[in-house]
Every structure is written in structure tokens, then in C-alpha cells.
Amino acid sequence: MTEEFLIREALAADVKQIAEIEKVSFKTPWSEEMILSEMKEPLSCFYVAVFEQKIIGYYGFLHILDELHILNVAVDPAFRQKGVGNKLITHLTEKARALSARAVTLEVRESNLPAIRLYEKFGFTSAGVRPHYYTDKENALIYWLEL
């Protein structure tokens, strides 16, 4: 991208745009209600990437003791392959270090090769499989990043 975008903490007013990205990014997207409910949880944090007042990506995590568990990471399809995902994961790992986390973990669909490549680029390693994890029975790969 020729112009920079900013990453900031998500607000309740952002939920509609986050849900739109969810719908085009995941087989079983979270609803606006689910996103808003999770944003209100004391252990949850959500951040959005904003370009020209439009949310172009986001991530959410749970901060549990000394670990961050990534809930979702997604980028608007019109902004994929432009470094947004890289900057979101960089921001997330910086946030994890600032929170004194020792590790970051997540589950990812075994068919989601672009996401797997992104996580592996940042040093995440596969730590196992959750069989039939998703509602359509697809397996989830468990990934960890030690900080």
C-alpha cells in the first residue's frame, strides 16, 4: 500500500465493519452480537486496521495468564496481499510482549494455507491437531509462538 494505515483498539462502533470482514473471510463467521459480546469480556482485546476511515482488517485475542490466544485475524479481501496481515501479526506480537506474555497460540483450519504461511513466517510452529474442531468437521491445527 502506498499510504499507511493505522492500527487502533476496536470500538463498539466498529462491530458492523468487523462482521462484514468476518462474513467474507470465514466459513462460519461470528455475528455482530458474538463479536460485541466477546469485545466486552474482560480478558478479550480487539484491534482494527483503518485506512481512509474504513476498517480493512482486525484481530482479537484472549489474554489468559501469560498467554495470548488469538480468536480471529482477518483482512478485507480488497486489501489482502498488501502487508495488512503482516502488520496485524506484528502488532499482535508486540502487544503480547508488552503484556509480558510468554506465548501466543491459535487454531487455524488445516485448509487455510495463506493463514498458515503467515503464521509460520512469524515463527509460529505446529503443535498438534484438534480433530473435527469446526462445525463442518474440518480439523484445526494448533499453532504456538514462544516469545
N, C-alpha and C. Protein backbone atom coordinates (compact mmCIF):
# COMPACT_ATOMS: atom_id res chain seq x y z
N MET A 1 0.85 -1.18 0.00
CA MET A 1 0.00 0.00 0.00
C MET A 1 0.89 1.23 0.00
N THR A 2 0.53 2.16 -0.83
CA THR A 2 1.35 3.36 -0.90
C THR A 2 1.13 4.27 0.30
N GLU A 3 -0.06 4.26 0.87
CA GLU A 3 -0.33 5.06 2.06
C GLU A 3 -0.44 4.13 3.26
N GLU A 4 -0.02 4.63 4.38
CA GLU A 4 -0.06 3.83 5.61
C GLU A 4 -1.46 3.79 6.18
N PHE A 5 -1.71 2.74 6.92
CA PHE A 5 -2.94 2.62 7.68
C PHE A 5 -2.55 2.56 9.14
N LEU A 6 -3.51 2.81 10.02
CA LEU A 6 -3.20 2.76 11.43
C LEU A 6 -3.89 1.56 12.08
N ILE A 7 -3.35 1.12 13.19
CA ILE A 7 -3.96 0.06 13.97
C ILE A 7 -4.32 0.67 15.32
N ARG A 8 -5.56 0.49 15.70
CA ARG A 8 -6.04 1.03 16.97
C ARG A 8 -6.96 0.02 17.64
N GLU A 9 -7.22 0.25 18.92
CA GLU A 9 -8.14 -0.62 19.64
C GLU A 9 -9.53 -0.48 19.02
N ALA A 10 -10.21 -1.61 18.91
CA ALA A 10 -11.55 -1.61 18.32
C ALA A 10 -12.56 -1.00 19.28
N LEU A 11 -13.57 -0.38 18.71
CA LEU A 11 -14.67 0.23 19.46
C LEU A 11 -15.96 -0.52 19.13
N ALA A 12 -16.96 -0.38 19.97
CA ALA A 12 -18.26 -0.99 19.70
C ALA A 12 -18.81 -0.52 18.34
N ALA A 13 -18.52 0.71 17.98
CA ALA A 13 -18.99 1.26 16.71
C ALA A 13 -18.35 0.56 15.50
N ASP A 14 -17.29 -0.21 15.72
CA ASP A 14 -16.58 -0.90 14.64
C ASP A 14 -17.18 -2.28 14.32
N VAL A 15 -18.07 -2.74 15.17
CA VAL A 15 -18.54 -4.13 15.08
C VAL A 15 -19.15 -4.45 13.72
N LYS A 16 -19.94 -3.55 13.17
CA LYS A 16 -20.59 -3.81 11.88
C LYS A 16 -19.55 -4.08 10.78
N GLN A 17 -18.50 -3.25 10.73
CA GLN A 17 -17.46 -3.44 9.70
C GLN A 17 -16.64 -4.71 9.97
N ILE A 18 -16.39 -5.00 11.24
CA ILE A 18 -15.67 -6.23 11.57
C ILE A 18 -16.49 -7.43 11.12
N ALA A 19 -17.80 -7.41 11.38
CA ALA A 19 -18.68 -8.51 10.98
C ALA A 19 -18.71 -8.69 9.46
N GLU A 20 -18.63 -7.59 8.73
CA GLU A 20 -18.60 -7.68 7.26
C GLU A 20 -17.34 -8.41 6.79
N ILE A 21 -16.22 -8.10 7.41
CA ILE A 21 -14.97 -8.80 7.06
C ILE A 21 -15.07 -10.26 7.45
N GLU A 22 -15.67 -10.55 8.60
CA GLU A 22 -15.90 -11.94 9.04
C GLU A 22 -16.66 -12.72 7.96
N LYS A 23 -17.75 -12.12 7.46
CA LYS A 23 -18.63 -12.81 6.50
C LYS A 23 -17.89 -13.24 5.23
N VAL A 24 -16.96 -12.42 4.79
CA VAL A 24 -16.25 -12.74 3.55
C VAL A 24 -14.95 -13.50 3.80
N SER A 25 -14.63 -13.75 5.08
CA SER A 25 -13.36 -14.39 5.40
C SER A 25 -13.48 -15.81 5.96
N PHE A 26 -14.60 -16.13 6.58
CA PHE A 26 -14.71 -17.40 7.29
C PHE A 26 -15.96 -18.18 6.88
N LYS A 27 -15.84 -19.51 6.90
CA LYS A 27 -16.97 -20.38 6.58
C LYS A 27 -18.08 -20.25 7.62
N THR A 28 -17.70 -20.04 8.87
CA THR A 28 -18.67 -19.87 9.95
C THR A 28 -18.36 -18.56 10.68
N PRO A 29 -18.76 -17.44 10.08
CA PRO A 29 -18.40 -16.13 10.66
C PRO A 29 -19.14 -15.85 11.96
N TRP A 30 -18.50 -15.06 12.79
CA TRP A 30 -19.14 -14.57 14.01
C TRP A 30 -20.16 -13.51 13.62
N SER A 31 -21.26 -13.48 14.33
CA SER A 31 -22.27 -12.45 14.12
C SER A 31 -21.83 -11.16 14.83
N GLU A 32 -22.53 -10.07 14.52
CA GLU A 32 -22.24 -8.80 15.21
C GLU A 32 -22.43 -8.97 16.72
N GLU A 33 -23.45 -9.70 17.10
CA GLU A 33 -23.73 -9.92 18.53
C GLU A 33 -22.60 -10.69 19.20
N MET A 34 -22.09 -11.71 18.52
CA MET A 34 -20.99 -12.50 19.07
C MET A 34 -19.73 -11.65 19.24
N ILE A 35 -19.44 -10.85 18.23
CA ILE A 35 -18.25 -10.00 18.28
C ILE A 35 -18.37 -9.00 19.42
N LEU A 36 -19.50 -8.33 19.50
CA LEU A 36 -19.70 -7.33 20.55
C LEU A 36 -19.64 -7.97 21.93
N SER A 37 -20.24 -9.13 22.07
CA SER A 37 -20.20 -9.84 23.36
C SER A 37 -18.77 -10.17 23.74
N GLU A 38 -17.99 -10.66 22.78
CA GLU A 38 -16.60 -11.02 23.07
C GLU A 38 -15.77 -9.78 23.38
N MET A 39 -16.04 -8.68 22.70
CA MET A 39 -15.30 -7.44 22.95
C MET A 39 -15.51 -6.94 24.38
N LYS A 40 -16.66 -7.26 24.96
CA LYS A 40 -16.99 -6.81 26.31
C LYS A 40 -16.35 -7.67 27.40
N GLU A 41 -15.82 -8.83 27.02
CA GLU A 41 -15.22 -9.72 28.01
C GLU A 41 -13.93 -9.09 28.54
N PRO A 42 -13.70 -9.18 29.84
CA PRO A 42 -12.52 -8.52 30.43
C PRO A 42 -11.17 -9.07 29.94
N LEU A 43 -11.12 -10.31 29.49
CA LEU A 43 -9.85 -10.89 29.03
C LEU A 43 -9.62 -10.70 27.53
N SER A 44 -10.61 -10.14 26.84
CA SER A 44 -10.53 -10.00 25.38
C SER A 44 -10.07 -8.62 24.96
N CYS A 45 -9.32 -8.58 23.86
CA CYS A 45 -8.89 -7.33 23.23
C CYS A 45 -9.05 -7.47 21.73
N PHE A 46 -9.54 -6.44 21.09
CA PHE A 46 -9.68 -6.41 19.64
C PHE A 46 -9.01 -5.15 19.10
N TYR A 47 -8.35 -5.29 17.97
CA TYR A 47 -7.70 -4.17 17.30
C TYR A 47 -8.12 -4.17 15.84
N VAL A 48 -8.19 -2.99 15.26
CA VAL A 48 -8.57 -2.85 13.86
C VAL A 48 -7.51 -2.08 13.09
N ALA A 49 -7.36 -2.44 11.83
CA ALA A 49 -6.52 -1.69 10.89
C ALA A 49 -7.47 -0.78 10.12
N VAL A 50 -7.13 0.51 10.08
CA VAL A 50 -8.01 1.51 9.47
C VAL A 50 -7.25 2.24 8.36
N PHE A 51 -7.90 2.30 7.20
CA PHE A 51 -7.34 3.02 6.06
C PHE A 51 -8.45 3.91 5.51
N GLU A 52 -8.20 5.21 5.47
CA GLU A 52 -9.18 6.18 4.98
C GLU A 52 -10.54 5.98 5.65
N GLN A 53 -10.55 5.85 6.96
CA GLN A 53 -11.74 5.70 7.80
C GLN A 53 -12.52 4.40 7.57
N LYS A 54 -11.91 3.45 6.89
CA LYS A 54 -12.54 2.15 6.65
C LYS A 54 -11.72 1.08 7.35
N ILE A 55 -12.40 0.19 8.04
CA ILE A 55 -11.70 -0.92 8.67
C ILE A 55 -11.36 -1.93 7.58
N ILE A 56 -10.06 -2.24 7.48
CA ILE A 56 -9.59 -3.14 6.43
C ILE A 56 -9.07 -4.46 6.99
N GLY A 57 -9.04 -4.57 8.30
CA GLY A 57 -8.60 -5.81 8.93
C GLY A 57 -8.74 -5.68 10.43
N TYR A 58 -8.61 -6.80 11.10
CA TYR A 58 -8.72 -6.78 12.56
C TYR A 58 -8.14 -8.06 13.14
N TYR A 59 -7.93 -8.04 14.44
CA TYR A 59 -7.63 -9.26 15.18
C TYR A 59 -8.19 -9.13 16.58
N GLY A 60 -8.42 -10.27 17.18
CA GLY A 60 -8.87 -10.32 18.56
C GLY A 60 -8.14 -11.41 19.29
N PHE A 61 -7.93 -11.22 20.59
CA PHE A 61 -7.27 -12.25 21.39
C PHE A 61 -7.81 -12.27 22.80
N LEU A 62 -7.60 -13.38 23.47
CA LEU A 62 -7.84 -13.52 24.90
C LEU A 62 -6.49 -13.48 25.59
N HIS A 63 -6.40 -12.73 26.67
CA HIS A 63 -5.17 -12.67 27.46
C HIS A 63 -5.42 -13.50 28.72
N ILE A 64 -4.86 -14.70 28.75
CA ILE A 64 -5.06 -15.62 29.86
C ILE A 64 -3.71 -15.89 30.51
N LEU A 65 -3.56 -15.39 31.73
CA LEU A 65 -2.31 -15.52 32.48
C LEU A 65 -1.15 -15.00 31.64
N ASP A 66 -0.22 -15.88 31.24
CA ASP A 66 0.94 -15.41 30.47
C ASP A 66 0.89 -15.83 29.00
N GLU A 67 -0.35 -16.05 28.50
CA GLU A 67 -0.52 -16.43 27.11
C GLU A 67 -1.58 -15.56 26.44
N LEU A 68 -1.40 -15.37 25.14
CA LEU A 68 -2.45 -14.77 24.33
C LEU A 68 -3.00 -15.86 23.43
N HIS A 69 -4.31 -15.97 23.39
CA HIS A 69 -4.96 -16.92 22.49
C HIS A 69 -5.67 -16.11 21.42
N ILE A 70 -5.19 -16.23 20.18
CA ILE A 70 -5.79 -15.49 19.07
C ILE A 70 -7.17 -16.06 18.78
N LEU A 71 -8.16 -15.17 18.75
CA LEU A 71 -9.53 -15.56 18.42
C LEU A 71 -9.73 -15.56 16.91
N ASN A 72 -9.45 -14.44 16.29
CA ASN A 72 -9.60 -14.29 14.84
C ASN A 72 -8.63 -13.22 14.33
N VAL A 73 -8.21 -13.43 13.11
CA VAL A 73 -7.45 -12.43 12.35
C VAL A 73 -8.03 -12.46 10.95
N ALA A 74 -8.38 -11.30 10.42
CA ALA A 74 -8.92 -11.28 9.06
C ALA A 74 -8.64 -9.93 8.41
N VAL A 75 -8.52 -9.97 7.08
CA VAL A 75 -8.27 -8.78 6.28
C VAL A 75 -9.32 -8.73 5.18
N ASP A 76 -9.85 -7.55 4.94
CA ASP A 76 -10.78 -7.33 3.84
C ASP A 76 -10.14 -7.85 2.56
N PRO A 77 -10.87 -8.65 1.76
CA PRO A 77 -10.27 -9.21 0.54
C PRO A 77 -9.64 -8.18 -0.39
N ALA A 78 -10.17 -6.97 -0.44
CA ALA A 78 -9.61 -5.93 -1.31
C ALA A 78 -8.24 -5.46 -0.85
N PHE A 79 -7.86 -5.79 0.39
CA PHE A 79 -6.59 -5.33 0.94
C PHE A 79 -5.63 -6.47 1.25
N ARG A 80 -5.96 -7.67 0.81
CA ARG A 80 -5.06 -8.80 1.05
C ARG A 80 -3.86 -8.71 0.13
N GLN A 81 -2.78 -9.33 0.56
CA GLN A 81 -1.51 -9.34 -0.18
C GLN A 81 -0.91 -7.94 -0.28
N LYS A 82 -1.23 -7.08 0.68
CA LYS A 82 -0.70 -5.72 0.68
C LYS A 82 -0.02 -5.39 1.99
N GLY A 83 0.28 -6.41 2.79
CA GLY A 83 1.01 -6.19 4.03
C GLY A 83 0.16 -5.96 5.26
N VAL A 84 -1.16 -5.96 5.11
CA VAL A 84 -2.03 -5.69 6.26
C VAL A 84 -1.93 -6.83 7.28
N GLY A 85 -2.01 -8.07 6.80
CA GLY A 85 -1.88 -9.21 7.71
C GLY A 85 -0.56 -9.21 8.44
N ASN A 86 0.51 -8.91 7.72
CA ASN A 86 1.84 -8.83 8.35
C ASN A 86 1.85 -7.81 9.48
N LYS A 87 1.30 -6.63 9.20
CA LYS A 87 1.32 -5.58 10.22
C LYS A 87 0.41 -5.92 11.40
N LEU A 88 -0.71 -6.60 11.13
CA LEU A 88 -1.58 -7.01 12.24
C LEU A 88 -0.87 -8.02 13.14
N ILE A 89 -0.18 -9.00 12.54
CA ILE A 89 0.52 -10.01 13.36
C ILE A 89 1.71 -9.36 14.08
N THR A 90 2.40 -8.45 13.43
CA THR A 90 3.48 -7.72 14.09
C THR A 90 2.93 -6.96 15.30
N HIS A 91 1.84 -6.26 15.11
CA HIS A 91 1.21 -5.51 16.19
C HIS A 91 0.80 -6.45 17.32
N LEU A 92 0.22 -7.58 16.97
CA LEU A 92 -0.23 -8.55 17.96
C LEU A 92 0.95 -9.08 18.77
N THR A 93 2.05 -9.43 18.12
CA THR A 93 3.19 -9.97 18.87
C THR A 93 3.84 -8.88 19.74
N GLU A 94 3.85 -7.64 19.26
CA GLU A 94 4.35 -6.53 20.08
C GLU A 94 3.45 -6.35 21.30
N LYS A 95 2.14 -6.45 21.11
CA LYS A 95 1.19 -6.34 22.22
C LYS A 95 1.43 -7.47 23.21
N ALA A 96 1.66 -8.68 22.71
CA ALA A 96 1.90 -9.83 23.58
C ALA A 96 3.13 -9.59 24.45
N ARG A 97 4.19 -9.08 23.86
CA ARG A 97 5.40 -8.79 24.63
C ARG A 97 5.15 -7.69 25.66
N ALA A 98 4.40 -6.67 25.27
CA ALA A 98 4.09 -5.58 26.19
C ALA A 98 3.26 -6.07 27.38
N LEU A 99 2.47 -7.12 27.17
CA LEU A 99 1.66 -7.70 28.23
C LEU A 99 2.41 -8.79 28.99
N SER A 100 3.71 -8.94 28.69
CA SER A 100 4.56 -9.95 29.32
C SER A 100 4.10 -11.38 29.08
N ALA A 101 3.49 -11.61 27.93
CA ALA A 101 3.09 -12.96 27.57
C ALA A 101 4.33 -13.77 27.22
N ARG A 102 4.32 -15.04 27.54
CA ARG A 102 5.43 -15.91 27.17
C ARG A 102 5.15 -16.66 25.87
N ALA A 103 3.85 -16.67 25.45
CA ALA A 103 3.50 -17.40 24.24
C ALA A 103 2.20 -16.88 23.65
N VAL A 104 2.03 -17.15 22.36
CA VAL A 104 0.80 -16.84 21.64
C VAL A 104 0.35 -18.14 20.98
N THR A 105 -0.93 -18.42 21.05
CA THR A 105 -1.45 -19.66 20.45
C THR A 105 -2.72 -19.37 19.65
N LEU A 106 -3.07 -20.31 18.79
CA LEU A 106 -4.27 -20.18 17.95
C LEU A 106 -4.62 -21.52 17.34
N GLU A 107 -5.83 -21.61 16.83
CA GLU A 107 -6.23 -22.73 15.98
C GLU A 107 -6.51 -22.15 14.60
N VAL A 108 -6.16 -22.93 13.58
CA VAL A 108 -6.40 -22.50 12.20
C VAL A 108 -6.87 -23.70 11.40
N ARG A 109 -7.81 -23.48 10.50
CA ARG A 109 -8.28 -24.57 9.63
C ARG A 109 -7.09 -25.15 8.87
N GLU A 110 -7.05 -26.47 8.79
CA GLU A 110 -5.92 -27.08 8.08
C GLU A 110 -5.93 -26.74 6.60
N SER A 111 -7.06 -26.30 6.06
CA SER A 111 -7.13 -25.91 4.64
C SER A 111 -6.76 -24.45 4.41
N ASN A 112 -6.55 -23.67 5.45
CA ASN A 112 -6.30 -22.24 5.31
C ASN A 112 -4.79 -21.99 5.12
N LEU A 113 -4.31 -22.35 3.95
CA LEU A 113 -2.87 -22.25 3.68
C LEU A 113 -2.32 -20.83 3.73
N PRO A 114 -3.04 -19.81 3.25
CA PRO A 114 -2.50 -18.45 3.38
C PRO A 114 -2.26 -18.05 4.84
N ALA A 115 -3.20 -18.38 5.71
CA ALA A 115 -3.03 -18.05 7.13
C ALA A 115 -1.88 -18.86 7.74
N ILE A 116 -1.80 -20.12 7.41
CA ILE A 116 -0.72 -20.97 7.93
C ILE A 116 0.64 -20.40 7.51
N ARG A 117 0.76 -20.01 6.25
CA ARG A 117 2.03 -19.43 5.77
C ARG A 117 2.35 -18.14 6.53
N LEU A 118 1.34 -17.31 6.77
CA LEU A 118 1.55 -16.06 7.51
C LEU A 118 2.05 -16.36 8.91
N TYR A 119 1.38 -17.25 9.62
CA TYR A 119 1.80 -17.57 10.99
C TYR A 119 3.20 -18.16 11.02
N GLU A 120 3.49 -19.07 10.10
CA GLU A 120 4.82 -19.69 10.07
C GLU A 120 5.90 -18.65 9.76
N LYS A 121 5.57 -17.67 8.94
CA LYS A 121 6.52 -16.59 8.63
C LYS A 121 6.94 -15.85 9.90
N PHE A 122 6.03 -15.77 10.86
CA PHE A 122 6.31 -15.09 12.13
C PHE A 122 6.86 -16.01 13.20
N GLY A 123 7.15 -17.26 12.84
CA GLY A 123 7.77 -18.17 13.79
C GLY A 123 6.81 -19.08 14.55
N PHE A 124 5.52 -19.02 14.24
CA PHE A 124 4.58 -19.95 14.86
C PHE A 124 4.91 -21.36 14.37
N THR A 125 4.80 -22.34 15.25
CA THR A 125 5.04 -23.72 14.87
C THR A 125 3.83 -24.58 15.23
N SER A 126 3.62 -25.60 14.43
CA SER A 126 2.50 -26.50 14.64
C SER A 126 2.74 -27.34 15.89
N ALA A 127 1.72 -27.44 16.73
CA ALA A 127 1.86 -28.17 18.00
C ALA A 127 0.81 -29.26 18.15
N GLY A 128 0.06 -29.51 17.10
CA GLY A 128 -0.95 -30.56 17.20
C GLY A 128 -2.16 -30.29 16.34
N VAL A 129 -3.12 -31.19 16.47
CA VAL A 129 -4.35 -31.12 15.69
C VAL A 129 -5.55 -31.27 16.62
N ARG A 130 -6.58 -30.49 16.37
CA ARG A 130 -7.86 -30.69 17.05
C ARG A 130 -8.80 -31.29 16.01
N PRO A 131 -9.01 -32.61 16.09
CA PRO A 131 -9.85 -33.26 15.08
C PRO A 131 -11.29 -32.74 15.10
N HIS A 132 -11.83 -32.53 13.92
CA HIS A 132 -13.24 -32.14 13.75
C HIS A 132 -13.61 -30.91 14.58
N TYR A 133 -12.70 -29.98 14.69
CA TYR A 133 -12.85 -28.80 15.55
C TYR A 133 -13.96 -27.86 15.09
N TYR A 134 -14.06 -27.66 13.79
CA TYR A 134 -15.02 -26.71 13.26
C TYR A 134 -16.38 -27.37 13.03
N THR A 135 -17.43 -26.55 12.92
CA THR A 135 -18.78 -27.09 12.79
C THR A 135 -18.95 -27.97 11.55
N ASP A 136 -18.14 -27.74 10.53
CA ASP A 136 -18.21 -28.59 9.33
C ASP A 136 -17.27 -29.79 9.44
N LYS A 137 -16.73 -30.01 10.64
CA LYS A 137 -15.88 -31.17 10.98
C LYS A 137 -14.45 -31.08 10.46
N GLU A 138 -14.05 -29.93 9.89
CA GLU A 138 -12.67 -29.79 9.47
C GLU A 138 -11.77 -29.73 10.70
N ASN A 139 -10.58 -30.30 10.57
CA ASN A 139 -9.60 -30.26 11.65
C ASN A 139 -9.01 -28.87 11.80
N ALA A 140 -8.60 -28.57 13.03
CA ALA A 140 -7.86 -27.34 13.30
C ALA A 140 -6.43 -27.71 13.63
N LEU A 141 -5.50 -26.95 13.12
CA LEU A 141 -4.10 -27.08 13.50
C LEU A 141 -3.84 -26.12 14.65
N ILE A 142 -3.17 -26.58 15.66
CA ILE A 142 -2.82 -25.74 16.81
C ILE A 142 -1.43 -25.17 16.56
N TYR A 143 -1.31 -23.86 16.64
CA TYR A 143 -0.02 -23.20 16.44
C TYR A 143 0.37 -22.44 17.69
N TRP A 144 1.69 -22.40 17.96
CA TRP A 144 2.26 -21.70 19.11
C TRP A 144 3.42 -20.84 18.66
N LEU A 145 3.57 -19.73 19.34
CA LEU A 145 4.74 -18.89 19.19
C LEU A 145 5.27 -18.61 20.58
N GLU A 146 6.48 -19.09 20.86
CA GLU A 146 7.13 -18.79 22.14
C GLU A 146 7.80 -17.43 22.01
N LEU A 147 7.58 -16.58 23.01
CA LEU A 147 8.17 -15.23 22.97
C LEU A 147 9.41 -15.14 23.83
